[in-house]
């Protein structure tokens, strides 16, 4: 199994397909397997590189907390291990925060940004609508915990069988309380709000209209603060937009990637 090594921590990664490189970054407590709805369609046209953030899946679970910048540096180490100088980057939820930080801290590594259901973080962010839940889950793993989060993560119209398929994938991945809390700690102290104007690559911010975990206002703000970025609201979709509207998400991603396949950031060209 391939591993990138960053500061002594092993980061599991793999690749699928051939063509221009595309890096996928997953969110809090989710391993790379959760890209399963997008991966086949993307890999038909691109060299898709995906990995497990530190603390989850097959990556190491070192002492924390894990900062968002630290996880962005992990992503850069994955690109190094793959021999990829720069890539188009897709990030979902916390993965979108890591993608923003990758573009800010390692600008030469990013050709374009597609950010899904994410936020700029900090005190100016809009908080989750926890009222959708009867109470907060006390564990970080297991089917019972995943089912308790369904009202917060999915649109009301999403087929039950599709949600259960997600849960089956999640429950098959290694997930520890320590790793999840260390990732969450990084989210709590991170913000890109006052730095987003420095991002100079093409950017698209997509958000589910029914997202209760990271309300759509956050995505709108991210798009408004990145020069030239576009915001796309996806109807009948909650936080897990790739499950709620898989065809829409894949078409949106392929269109964006095709439009920017030859785009090179100014930092890369320098």
C-alpha atoms as a PDB file:
ATOM      1  CA  UNK A   1       0.000   0.000   0.000  1.00  0.00           C
ATOM      2  CA  UNK A   2       1.376   3.462  -0.867  1.00  0.00           C
ATOM      3  CA  UNK A   3       2.064   5.910   1.938  1.00  0.00           C
ATOM      4  CA  UNK A   4       3.273   9.486   1.953  1.00  0.00           C
ATOM      5  CA  UNK A   5       5.378  10.420   4.972  1.00  0.00           C
ATOM      6  CA  UNK A   6       4.989  13.850   6.518  1.00  0.00           C
ATOM      7  CA  UNK A   7       6.799  14.667   9.760  1.00  0.00           C
ATOM      8  CA  UNK A   8       6.975  10.968  10.550  1.00  0.00           C
ATOM      9  CA  UNK A   9       3.237  10.397  10.013  1.00  0.00           C
ATOM     10  CA  UNK A  10       2.126   7.891   7.365  1.00  0.00           C
ATOM     11  CA  UNK A  11      -0.651   9.169   5.091  1.00  0.00           C
ATOM     12  CA  UNK A  12      -2.369   6.487   3.032  1.00  0.00           C
ATOM     13  CA  UNK A  13      -3.095   7.413  -0.595  1.00  0.00           C
ATOM     14  CA  UNK A  14      -4.047   5.774  -3.862  1.00  0.00           C
ATOM     15  CA  UNK A  15      -4.697   6.752  -7.464  1.00  0.00           C
ATOM     16  CA  UNK A  16      -7.114   5.762 -10.213  1.00  0.00           C
ATOM     17  CA  UNK A  17      -7.288   6.558 -13.909  1.00  0.00           C
ATOM     18  CA  UNK A  18      -4.985   8.466 -16.212  1.00  0.00           C
ATOM     19  CA  UNK A  19      -4.714  12.040 -17.424  1.00  0.00           C
ATOM     20  CA  UNK A  20      -4.389  15.418 -15.737  1.00  0.00           C
ATOM     21  CA  UNK A  21      -4.099  15.058 -11.952  1.00  0.00           C
ATOM     22  CA  UNK A  22      -7.055  15.729  -9.662  1.00  0.00           C
ATOM     23  CA  UNK A  23      -6.649  15.604  -5.879  1.00  0.00           C
ATOM     24  CA  UNK A  24      -9.670  14.706  -3.722  1.00  0.00           C
ATOM     25  CA  UNK A  25      -9.775  15.710  -0.032  1.00  0.00           C
ATOM     26  CA  UNK A  26     -12.478  14.253   2.220  1.00  0.00           C
ATOM     27  CA  UNK A  27     -14.087  15.754   5.315  1.00  0.00           C
ATOM     28  CA  UNK A  28     -14.227  15.190   9.057  1.00  0.00           C
ATOM     29  CA  UNK A  29     -14.256  11.521  10.149  1.00  0.00           C
ATOM     30  CA  UNK A  30     -14.651  10.260   6.548  1.00  0.00           C
ATOM     31  CA  UNK A  31     -12.054   8.060   4.854  1.00  0.00           C
ATOM     32  CA  UNK A  32     -11.206   8.175   1.146  1.00  0.00           C
ATOM     33  CA  UNK A  33     -13.773   5.460   0.414  1.00  0.00           C
ATOM     34  CA  UNK A  34     -16.542   8.054   0.750  1.00  0.00           C
ATOM     35  CA  UNK A  35     -15.624   9.364  -2.711  1.00  0.00           C
ATOM     36  CA  UNK A  36     -17.111   6.148  -4.134  1.00  0.00           C
ATOM     37  CA  UNK A  37     -19.970   7.900  -5.928  1.00  0.00           C
ATOM     38  CA  UNK A  38     -17.678  10.376  -7.714  1.00  0.00           C
ATOM     39  CA  UNK A  39     -14.552   8.299  -8.289  1.00  0.00           C
ATOM     40  CA  UNK A  40     -15.599   6.120 -11.256  1.00  0.00           C
ATOM     41  CA  UNK A  41     -16.810   9.071 -13.323  1.00  0.00           C
ATOM     42  CA  UNK A  42     -13.766  11.207 -12.535  1.00  0.00           C
ATOM     43  CA  UNK A  43     -11.261   8.396 -13.128  1.00  0.00           C
ATOM     44  CA  UNK A  44     -12.551   7.859 -16.661  1.00  0.00           C
ATOM     45  CA  UNK A  45     -10.993  11.183 -17.651  1.00  0.00           C
ATOM     46  CA  UNK A  46      -8.418  12.096 -14.990  1.00  0.00           C
ATOM     47  CA  UNK A  47      -5.647  10.732 -12.819  1.00  0.00           C
ATOM     48  CA  UNK A  48      -7.497  10.863  -9.517  1.00  0.00           C
ATOM     49  CA  UNK A  49      -5.425  10.945  -6.323  1.00  0.00           C
ATOM     50  CA  UNK A  50      -7.189  10.470  -3.008  1.00  0.00           C
ATOM     51  CA  UNK A  51      -6.063   9.821   0.542  1.00  0.00           C
ATOM     52  CA  UNK A  52      -7.038   9.416   4.181  1.00  0.00           C
ATOM     53  CA  UNK A  53      -6.491  12.492   6.327  1.00  0.00           C
ATOM     54  CA  UNK A  54      -4.373  11.874   9.402  1.00  0.00           C
ATOM     55  CA  UNK A  55      -6.451  10.290  12.137  1.00  0.00           C
ATOM     56  CA  UNK A  56      -8.783   8.310   9.870  1.00  0.00           C
ATOM     57  CA  UNK A  57      -8.854   5.217   7.668  1.00  0.00           C
ATOM     58  CA  UNK A  58      -5.485   3.671   6.912  1.00  0.00           C
ATOM     59  CA  UNK A  59      -3.459   6.755   7.838  1.00  0.00           C
ATOM     60  CA  UNK A  60      -1.708   7.049  11.192  1.00  0.00           C
ATOM     61  CA  UNK A  61      -3.457   8.469  14.251  1.00  0.00           C
ATOM     62  CA  UNK A  62      -0.722  10.588  15.852  1.00  0.00           C
ATOM     63  CA  UNK A  63      -1.180  12.758  18.951  1.00  0.00           C
ATOM     64  CA  UNK A  64      -3.211  15.875  18.220  1.00  0.00           C
ATOM     65  CA  UNK A  65      -4.762  18.249  17.749  1.00  0.00           C
ATOM     66  CA  UNK A  66      -4.349  18.334  13.961  1.00  0.00           C
ATOM     67  CA  UNK A  67      -4.294  21.813  12.490  1.00  0.00           C
ATOM     68  CA  UNK A  68      -5.876  22.464   9.100  1.00  0.00           C
ATOM     69  CA  UNK A  69      -2.499  23.699   7.861  1.00  0.00           C
ATOM     70  CA  UNK A  70      -0.909  20.461   9.048  1.00  0.00           C
ATOM     71  CA  UNK A  71      -3.455  18.456   7.090  1.00  0.00           C
ATOM     72  CA  UNK A  72      -2.870  20.690   4.046  1.00  0.00           C
ATOM     73  CA  UNK A  73       0.826  19.879   4.343  1.00  0.00           C
ATOM     74  CA  UNK A  74      -0.166  16.191   4.420  1.00  0.00           C
ATOM     75  CA  UNK A  75      -2.009  16.754   1.129  1.00  0.00           C
ATOM     76  CA  UNK A  76       1.113  18.380  -0.336  1.00  0.00           C
ATOM     77  CA  UNK A  77       3.133  15.346   0.818  1.00  0.00           C
ATOM     78  CA  UNK A  78       0.683  13.084  -1.026  1.00  0.00           C
ATOM     79  CA  UNK A  79       1.258  15.087  -4.214  1.00  0.00           C
ATOM     80  CA  UNK A  80       5.011  14.706  -3.648  1.00  0.00           C
ATOM     81  CA  UNK A  81       4.636  10.951  -3.237  1.00  0.00           C
ATOM     82  CA  UNK A  82       2.601  10.791  -6.445  1.00  0.00           C
ATOM     83  CA  UNK A  83       5.186  12.864  -8.307  1.00  0.00           C
ATOM     84  CA  UNK A  84       2.642  15.582  -9.054  1.00  0.00           C
ATOM     85  CA  UNK A  85       3.848  19.214  -8.969  1.00  0.00           C
ATOM     86  CA  UNK A  86       0.298  20.641  -9.028  1.00  0.00           C
ATOM     87  CA  UNK A  87      -3.276  19.447  -9.421  1.00  0.00           C
ATOM     88  CA  UNK A  88      -6.852  20.551  -9.627  1.00  0.00           C
ATOM     89  CA  UNK A  89      -8.228  20.093  -6.110  1.00  0.00           C
ATOM     90  CA  UNK A  90     -11.667  19.022  -4.911  1.00  0.00           C
ATOM     91  CA  UNK A  91     -12.443  19.323  -1.215  1.00  0.00           C
ATOM     92  CA  UNK A  92     -15.620  18.419   0.658  1.00  0.00           C
ATOM     93  CA  UNK A  93     -16.596  19.900   4.046  1.00  0.00           C
ATOM     94  CA  UNK A  94     -13.435  19.856   6.222  1.00  0.00           C
ATOM     95  CA  UNK A  95     -11.698  18.735   3.027  1.00  0.00           C
ATOM     96  CA  UNK A  96     -12.776  22.050   1.505  1.00  0.00           C
ATOM     97  CA  UNK A  97     -11.080  23.860   4.385  1.00  0.00           C
ATOM     98  CA  UNK A  98      -7.930  21.814   3.820  1.00  0.00           C
ATOM     99  CA  UNK A  99      -8.135  22.628   0.097  1.00  0.00           C
ATOM    100  CA  UNK A 100      -8.408  26.347   0.857  1.00  0.00           C
ATOM    101  CA  UNK A 101      -5.387  26.113   3.140  1.00  0.00           C
ATOM    102  CA  UNK A 102      -3.461  24.157   0.505  1.00  0.00           C
ATOM    103  CA  UNK A 103      -4.101  26.967  -1.979  1.00  0.00           C
ATOM    104  CA  UNK A 104      -3.086  29.590   0.598  1.00  0.00           C
ATOM    105  CA  UNK A 105      -0.016  27.924   2.117  1.00  0.00           C
ATOM    106  CA  UNK A 106       1.181  25.957  -0.932  1.00  0.00           C
ATOM    107  CA  UNK A 107      -0.150  27.996  -3.875  1.00  0.00           C
ATOM    108  CA  UNK A 108       2.101  26.394  -6.470  1.00  0.00           C
ATOM    109  CA  UNK A 109       0.438  23.013  -5.840  1.00  0.00           C
ATOM    110  CA  UNK A 110      -3.098  24.089  -6.782  1.00  0.00           C
ATOM    111  CA  UNK A 111      -4.376  24.717 -10.327  1.00  0.00           C
ATOM    112  CA  UNK A 112      -8.041  25.157  -9.450  1.00  0.00           C
ATOM    113  CA  UNK A 113     -10.374  24.715  -6.496  1.00  0.00           C
ATOM    114  CA  UNK A 114     -13.752  23.014  -6.373  1.00  0.00           C
ATOM    115  CA  UNK A 115     -15.081  23.394  -2.841  1.00  0.00           C
ATOM    116  CA  UNK A 116     -18.171  21.542  -1.685  1.00  0.00           C
ATOM    117  CA  UNK A 117     -20.329  22.136   1.413  1.00  0.00           C
ATOM    118  CA  UNK A 118     -17.541  23.990   3.207  1.00  0.00           C
ATOM    119  CA  UNK A 119     -16.832  27.139   5.210  1.00  0.00           C
ATOM    120  CA  UNK A 120     -14.246  29.820   5.890  1.00  0.00           C
ATOM    121  CA  UNK A 121     -14.452  28.971   9.617  1.00  0.00           C
ATOM    122  CA  UNK A 122     -13.882  31.302  12.535  1.00  0.00           C
ATOM    123  CA  UNK A 123     -16.311  33.410  14.564  1.00  0.00           C
ATOM    124  CA  UNK A 124     -17.904  34.866  11.422  1.00  0.00           C
ATOM    125  CA  UNK A 125     -19.096  31.465  10.200  1.00  0.00           C
ATOM    126  CA  UNK A 126     -22.720  30.294  10.368  1.00  0.00           C
ATOM    127  CA  UNK A 127     -23.055  27.418  12.833  1.00  0.00           C
ATOM    128  CA  UNK A 128     -24.811  24.067  12.352  1.00  0.00           C
ATOM    129  CA  UNK A 129     -28.548  23.787  12.881  1.00  0.00           C
ATOM    130  CA  UNK A 130     -28.378  21.190  15.619  1.00  0.00           C
ATOM    131  CA  UNK A 131     -32.106  21.613  16.218  1.00  0.00           C
ATOM    132  CA  UNK A 132     -32.577  19.021  13.459  1.00  0.00           C
ATOM    133  CA  UNK A 133     -31.251  16.400  15.896  1.00  0.00           C
ATOM    134  CA  UNK A 134     -32.962  15.034  18.964  1.00  0.00           C
ATOM    135  CA  UNK A 135     -29.571  15.152  20.688  1.00  0.00           C
ATOM    136  CA  UNK A 136     -25.858  14.971  19.908  1.00  0.00           C
ATOM    137  CA  UNK A 137     -24.342  11.497  19.399  1.00  0.00           C
ATOM    138  CA  UNK A 138     -22.022  10.283  22.159  1.00  0.00           C
ATOM    139  CA  UNK A 139     -19.837   8.034  19.970  1.00  0.00           C
ATOM    140  CA  UNK A 140     -17.934   8.541  16.716  1.00  0.00           C
ATOM    141  CA  UNK A 141     -18.511   5.166  15.087  1.00  0.00           C
ATOM    142  CA  UNK A 142     -21.159   2.575  14.431  1.00  0.00           C
ATOM    143  CA  UNK A 143     -24.411   2.385  12.523  1.00  0.00           C
ATOM    144  CA  UNK A 144     -26.483   3.801  15.381  1.00  0.00           C
ATOM    145  CA  UNK A 145     -24.409   6.962  15.456  1.00  0.00           C
ATOM    146  CA  UNK A 146     -24.584   7.344  11.684  1.00  0.00           C
ATOM    147  CA  UNK A 147     -28.356   6.920  11.664  1.00  0.00           C
ATOM    148  CA  UNK A 148     -28.736   9.555  14.379  1.00  0.00           C
ATOM    149  CA  UNK A 149     -26.972  12.090  12.150  1.00  0.00           C
ATOM    150  CA  UNK A 150     -29.121  11.523   9.059  1.00  0.00           C
ATOM    151  CA  UNK A 151     -31.409  14.585   9.620  1.00  0.00           C
ATOM    152  CA  UNK A 152     -28.329  16.812   9.897  1.00  0.00           C
ATOM    153  CA  UNK A 153     -26.446  15.423   6.900  1.00  0.00           C
ATOM    154  CA  UNK A 154     -28.970  14.566   4.185  1.00  0.00           C
ATOM    155  CA  UNK A 155     -31.849  16.202   2.353  1.00  0.00           C
ATOM    156  CA  UNK A 156     -35.327  15.062   3.274  1.00  0.00           C
ATOM    157  CA  UNK A 157     -35.879  13.697  -0.245  1.00  0.00           C
ATOM    158  CA  UNK A 158     -32.764  11.483  -0.396  1.00  0.00           C
ATOM    159  CA  UNK A 159     -33.675   7.789  -0.877  1.00  0.00           C
ATOM    160  CA  UNK A 160     -33.190   5.765   2.294  1.00  0.00           C
ATOM    161  CA  UNK A 161     -31.331   3.003   0.492  1.00  0.00           C
ATOM    162  CA  UNK A 162     -28.726   5.495  -0.711  1.00  0.00           C
ATOM    163  CA  UNK A 163     -28.157   6.735   2.843  1.00  0.00           C
ATOM    164  CA  UNK A 164     -27.818   3.170   4.124  1.00  0.00           C
ATOM    165  CA  UNK A 165     -25.238   2.502   1.406  1.00  0.00           C
ATOM    166  CA  UNK A 166     -23.213   5.451   2.715  1.00  0.00           C
ATOM    167  CA  UNK A 167     -23.450   4.151   6.259  1.00  0.00           C
ATOM    168  CA  UNK A 168     -22.276   0.706   5.189  1.00  0.00           C
ATOM    169  CA  UNK A 169     -19.203   2.253   3.559  1.00  0.00           C
ATOM    170  CA  UNK A 170     -18.488   4.437   6.601  1.00  0.00           C
ATOM    171  CA  UNK A 171     -18.809   1.538   9.044  1.00  0.00           C
ATOM    172  CA  UNK A 172     -16.285  -0.433   6.993  1.00  0.00           C
ATOM    173  CA  UNK A 173     -13.594   2.216   7.529  1.00  0.00           C
ATOM    174  CA  UNK A 174     -11.341   2.597  10.558  1.00  0.00           C
ATOM    175  CA  UNK A 175     -12.556   5.520  12.664  1.00  0.00           C
ATOM    176  CA  UNK A 176     -11.339   6.299  16.184  1.00  0.00           C
ATOM    177  CA  UNK A 177     -12.642   8.820  18.696  1.00  0.00           C
ATOM    178  CA  UNK A 178      -9.119  10.184  19.125  1.00  0.00           C
ATOM    179  CA  UNK A 179      -8.631  10.784  15.400  1.00  0.00           C
ATOM    180  CA  UNK A 180     -12.010  12.466  14.917  1.00  0.00           C
ATOM    181  CA  UNK A 181     -11.636  14.754  17.920  1.00  0.00           C
ATOM    182  CA  UNK A 182      -8.137  15.745  16.803  1.00  0.00           C
ATOM    183  CA  UNK A 183      -9.509  16.670  13.357  1.00  0.00           C
ATOM    184  CA  UNK A 184     -12.432  18.571  14.881  1.00  0.00           C
ATOM    185  CA  UNK A 185     -10.071  20.551  17.100  1.00  0.00           C
ATOM    186  CA  UNK A 186      -8.320  21.792  13.967  1.00  0.00           C
ATOM    187  CA  UNK A 187     -11.603  23.008  12.502  1.00  0.00           C
ATOM    188  CA  UNK A 188     -12.473  24.973  15.645  1.00  0.00           C
ATOM    189  CA  UNK A 189      -9.344  27.151  15.599  1.00  0.00           C
ATOM    190  CA  UNK A 190      -9.001  27.673  11.838  1.00  0.00           C
ATOM    191  CA  UNK A 191     -10.203  30.486   9.593  1.00  0.00           C
ATOM    192  CA  UNK A 192      -9.466  31.576   6.027  1.00  0.00           C
ATOM    193  CA  UNK A 193     -11.858  34.534   6.007  1.00  0.00           C
ATOM    194  CA  UNK A 194      -9.285  37.341   5.934  1.00  0.00           C
ATOM    195  CA  UNK A 195      -6.926  35.459   3.566  1.00  0.00           C
ATOM    196  CA  UNK A 196      -9.247  34.252   0.814  1.00  0.00           C
ATOM    197  CA  UNK A 197      -8.511  37.274  -1.370  1.00  0.00           C
ATOM    198  CA  UNK A 198      -5.017  35.813  -1.899  1.00  0.00           C
ATOM    199  CA  UNK A 199      -6.337  32.809  -3.831  1.00  0.00           C
ATOM    200  CA  UNK A 200      -5.780  33.448  -7.529  1.00  0.00           C
ATOM    201  CA  UNK A 201      -6.785  30.168  -9.187  1.00  0.00           C
ATOM    202  CA  UNK A 202     -10.215  29.447 -10.735  1.00  0.00           C
ATOM    203  CA  UNK A 203     -12.655  28.455  -7.991  1.00  0.00           C
ATOM    204  CA  UNK A 204     -16.161  27.065  -7.767  1.00  0.00           C
ATOM    205  CA  UNK A 205     -18.000  26.756  -4.454  1.00  0.00           C
ATOM    206  CA  UNK A 206     -20.960  24.344  -4.478  1.00  0.00           C
ATOM    207  CA  UNK A 207     -23.396  23.919  -1.620  1.00  0.00           C
ATOM    208  CA  UNK A 208     -26.526  21.927  -0.858  1.00  0.00           C
ATOM    209  CA  UNK A 209     -29.543  24.180  -0.403  1.00  0.00           C
ATOM    210  CA  UNK A 210     -30.675  22.086   2.592  1.00  0.00           C
ATOM    211  CA  UNK A 211     -27.281  21.801   4.303  1.00  0.00           C
ATOM    212  CA  UNK A 212     -27.913  21.996   8.065  1.00  0.00           C
ATOM    213  CA  UNK A 213     -24.379  21.096   9.193  1.00  0.00           C
ATOM    214  CA  UNK A 214     -22.593  23.867   7.286  1.00  0.00           C
ATOM    215  CA  UNK A 215     -25.377  26.245   6.172  1.00  0.00           C
ATOM    216  CA  UNK A 216     -25.143  27.563   2.578  1.00  0.00           C
ATOM    217  CA  UNK A 217     -24.381  31.103   3.772  1.00  0.00           C
ATOM    218  CA  UNK A 218     -20.858  29.892   4.523  1.00  0.00           C
ATOM    219  CA  UNK A 219     -20.271  28.783   0.946  1.00  0.00           C
ATOM    220  CA  UNK A 220     -21.635  32.057  -0.380  1.00  0.00           C
ATOM    221  CA  UNK A 221     -19.159  33.983   1.742  1.00  0.00           C
ATOM    222  CA  UNK A 222     -16.242  31.806   0.630  1.00  0.00           C
ATOM    223  CA  UNK A 223     -17.130  32.398  -3.020  1.00  0.00           C
ATOM    224  CA  UNK A 224     -17.603  36.134  -2.499  1.00  0.00           C
ATOM    225  CA  UNK A 225     -14.132  36.511  -0.989  1.00  0.00           C
ATOM    226  CA  UNK A 226     -12.172  34.512  -3.599  1.00  0.00           C
ATOM    227  CA  UNK A 227     -11.558  36.762  -6.627  1.00  0.00           C
ATOM    228  CA  UNK A 228     -13.563  35.520  -9.620  1.00  0.00           C
ATOM    229  CA  UNK A 229     -15.051  32.530  -7.790  1.00  0.00           C
ATOM    230  CA  UNK A 230     -18.514  31.228  -8.667  1.00  0.00           C
ATOM    231  CA  UNK A 231     -21.144  29.944  -6.237  1.00  0.00           C
ATOM    232  CA  UNK A 232     -23.516  27.098  -7.158  1.00  0.00           C
ATOM    233  CA  UNK A 233     -26.488  26.214  -4.962  1.00  0.00           C
ATOM    234  CA  UNK A 234     -27.685  22.625  -5.434  1.00  0.00           C
ATOM    235  CA  UNK A 235     -31.417  22.104  -4.786  1.00  0.00           C
ATOM    236  CA  UNK A 236     -32.696  19.078  -2.858  1.00  0.00           C
ATOM    237  CA  UNK A 237     -29.275  18.481  -1.333  1.00  0.00           C
ATOM    238  CA  UNK A 238     -28.019  18.616   2.225  1.00  0.00           C
ATOM    239  CA  UNK A 239     -24.456  18.359   3.523  1.00  0.00           C
ATOM    240  CA  UNK A 240     -23.612  15.072   1.794  1.00  0.00           C
ATOM    241  CA  UNK A 241     -24.316  16.515  -1.647  1.00  0.00           C
ATOM    242  CA  UNK A 242     -22.599  13.644  -3.466  1.00  0.00           C
ATOM    243  CA  UNK A 243     -25.225  11.269  -2.091  1.00  0.00           C
ATOM    244  CA  UNK A 244     -28.197  13.611  -2.296  1.00  0.00           C
ATOM    245  CA  UNK A 245     -27.502  14.637  -5.908  1.00  0.00           C
ATOM    246  CA  UNK A 246     -24.756  12.352  -7.303  1.00  0.00           C
ATOM    247  CA  UNK A 247     -25.396  13.007 -11.002  1.00  0.00           C
ATOM    248  CA  UNK A 248     -25.549  16.778 -10.513  1.00  0.00           C
ATOM    249  CA  UNK A 249     -22.315  16.756  -8.511  1.00  0.00           C
ATOM    250  CA  UNK A 250     -20.440  14.643 -11.040  1.00  0.00           C
ATOM    251  CA  UNK A 251     -21.611  16.753 -13.983  1.00  0.00           C
ATOM    252  CA  UNK A 252     -20.681  19.937 -12.115  1.00  0.00           C
ATOM    253  CA  UNK A 253     -17.229  18.590 -11.283  1.00  0.00           C
ATOM    254  CA  UNK A 254     -16.491  17.322 -14.792  1.00  0.00           C
ATOM    255  CA  UNK A 255     -17.583  20.601 -16.356  1.00  0.00           C
ATOM    256  CA  UNK A 256     -15.429  22.613 -13.944  1.00  0.00           C
ATOM    257  CA  UNK A 257     -12.394  20.368 -14.376  1.00  0.00           C
ATOM    258  CA  UNK A 258     -12.682  20.444 -18.161  1.00  0.00           C
ATOM    259  CA  UNK A 259     -12.938  24.240 -18.196  1.00  0.00           C
ATOM    260  CA  UNK A 260      -9.783  24.518 -16.109  1.00  0.00           C
ATOM    261  CA  UNK A 261      -7.802  21.510 -17.333  1.00  0.00           C
ATOM    262  CA  UNK A 262      -5.165  23.766 -18.845  1.00  0.00           C
ATOM    263  CA  UNK A 263      -5.282  26.465 -16.200  1.00  0.00           C
ATOM    264  CA  UNK A 264      -2.026  27.042 -14.352  1.00  0.00           C
ATOM    265  CA  UNK A 265      -1.826  29.237 -11.273  1.00  0.00           C
ATOM    266  CA  UNK A 266       0.458  32.295 -11.500  1.00  0.00           C
ATOM    267  CA  UNK A 267       2.575  30.785  -8.724  1.00  0.00           C
ATOM    268  CA  UNK A 268       3.089  27.624 -10.747  1.00  0.00           C
ATOM    269  CA  UNK A 269       4.129  29.553 -13.816  1.00  0.00           C
ATOM    270  CA  UNK A 270       6.609  31.684 -11.893  1.00  0.00           C
END
